[in-house]
Amino acid sequence: MILNADSSIGIIGGADGPTAIMVSGSPVAAIIAAAVAVIAVIAIIAIVVKKRKKNK
């Protein structure tokens, strides 16, 4: 996946409020990049949960 130099994704959030996702540049490329990031986070969480269950 190749993003243009002028494309960016910013995530602003905190424990006490909603999370905002700011996107600039091509929306299609940003959506693909965001989807890849979400899949990566889900995979990392699954690995951590699996390891914790194995250690019990």
C-alpha atoms as a PDB file:
ATOM      1  CA  MET A   1       0.000   0.000   0.000  1.00  0.00           C
ATOM      2  CA  ILE A   2       1.379   3.383  -0.966  1.00  0.00           C
ATOM      3  CA  LEU A   3       0.013   6.597   0.528  1.00  0.00           C
ATOM      4  CA  ASN A   4       0.598  10.018  -0.993  1.00  0.00           C
ATOM      5  CA  ALA A   5       2.942  12.341   0.861  1.00  0.00           C
ATOM      6  CA  ASP A   6       0.057  14.686   1.580  1.00  0.00           C
ATOM      7  CA  SER A   7      -2.158  12.041   3.211  1.00  0.00           C
ATOM      8  CA  SER A   8      -2.371  11.646   6.967  1.00  0.00           C
ATOM      9  CA  ILE A   9      -4.507  10.111   9.685  1.00  0.00           C
ATOM     10  CA  GLY A  10      -4.676  11.573  13.187  1.00  0.00           C
ATOM     11  CA  ILE A  11      -6.387   9.935  16.135  1.00  0.00           C
ATOM     12  CA  ILE A  12      -7.318  12.151  19.078  1.00  0.00           C
ATOM     13  CA  GLY A  13      -8.860  10.584  22.137  1.00  0.00           C
ATOM     14  CA  GLY A  14      -8.754  10.201  25.841  1.00  0.00           C
ATOM     15  CA  ALA A  15     -10.164   8.245  28.708  1.00  0.00           C
ATOM     16  CA  ASP A  16     -12.790  10.873  29.507  1.00  0.00           C
ATOM     17  CA  GLY A  17     -14.246  11.600  26.073  1.00  0.00           C
ATOM     18  CA  PRO A  18     -14.968  10.372  22.573  1.00  0.00           C
ATOM     19  CA  THR A  19     -12.258   9.491  20.080  1.00  0.00           C
ATOM     20  CA  ALA A  20     -11.985  11.540  16.880  1.00  0.00           C
ATOM     21  CA  ILE A  21     -10.263  10.370  13.707  1.00  0.00           C
ATOM     22  CA  MET A  22      -9.047  13.166  11.418  1.00  0.00           C
ATOM     23  CA  VAL A  23      -8.283  12.259   7.790  1.00  0.00           C
ATOM     24  CA  SER A  24      -6.588  14.395   5.128  1.00  0.00           C
ATOM     25  CA  GLY A  25      -5.774  13.514   1.560  1.00  0.00           C
ATOM     26  CA  SER A  26      -7.377  10.684  -0.386  1.00  0.00           C
ATOM     27  CA  PRO A  27     -10.253   9.197   1.636  1.00  0.00           C
ATOM     28  CA  VAL A  28      -9.878   5.782  -0.009  1.00  0.00           C
ATOM     29  CA  ALA A  29      -6.226   5.453   0.989  1.00  0.00           C
ATOM     30  CA  ALA A  30      -7.031   6.683   4.496  1.00  0.00           C
ATOM     31  CA  ILE A  31      -9.836   4.152   4.900  1.00  0.00           C
ATOM     32  CA  ILE A  32      -7.556   1.323   3.773  1.00  0.00           C
ATOM     33  CA  ALA A  33      -4.814   2.459   6.157  1.00  0.00           C
ATOM     34  CA  ALA A  34      -7.295   2.731   9.037  1.00  0.00           C
ATOM     35  CA  ALA A  35      -8.673  -0.746   8.296  1.00  0.00           C
ATOM     36  CA  VAL A  36      -5.170  -2.218   8.301  1.00  0.00           C
ATOM     37  CA  ALA A  37      -4.445  -0.498  11.627  1.00  0.00           C
ATOM     38  CA  VAL A  38      -7.657  -1.843  13.191  1.00  0.00           C
ATOM     39  CA  ILE A  39      -6.899  -5.377  12.006  1.00  0.00           C
ATOM     40  CA  ALA A  40      -3.373  -5.120  13.442  1.00  0.00           C
ATOM     41  CA  VAL A  41      -4.701  -3.962  16.829  1.00  0.00           C
ATOM     42  CA  ILE A  42      -7.259  -6.792  16.918  1.00  0.00           C
ATOM     43  CA  ALA A  43      -4.540  -9.324  16.078  1.00  0.00           C
ATOM     44  CA  ILE A  44      -2.273  -8.005  18.849  1.00  0.00           C
ATOM     45  CA  ILE A  45      -5.115  -8.139  21.385  1.00  0.00           C
ATOM     46  CA  ALA A  46      -5.935 -11.720  20.335  1.00  0.00           C
ATOM     47  CA  ILE A  47      -2.305 -12.785  20.773  1.00  0.00           C
ATOM     48  CA  VAL A  48      -2.070 -11.185  24.228  1.00  0.00           C
ATOM     49  CA  VAL A  49      -5.335 -12.801  25.382  1.00  0.00           C
ATOM     50  CA  LYS A  50      -4.228 -16.201  24.067  1.00  0.00           C
ATOM     51  CA  LYS A  51      -0.880 -15.963  25.880  1.00  0.00           C
ATOM     52  CA  ARG A  52      -2.549 -14.936  29.152  1.00  0.00           C
ATOM     53  CA  LYS A  53      -4.954 -17.874  28.972  1.00  0.00           C
ATOM     54  CA  LYS A  54      -2.056 -20.237  28.250  1.00  0.00           C
ATOM     55  CA  ASN A  55      -0.087 -19.014  31.288  1.00  0.00           C
ATOM     56  CA  LYS A  56      -2.965 -19.685  33.738  1.00  0.00           C
END
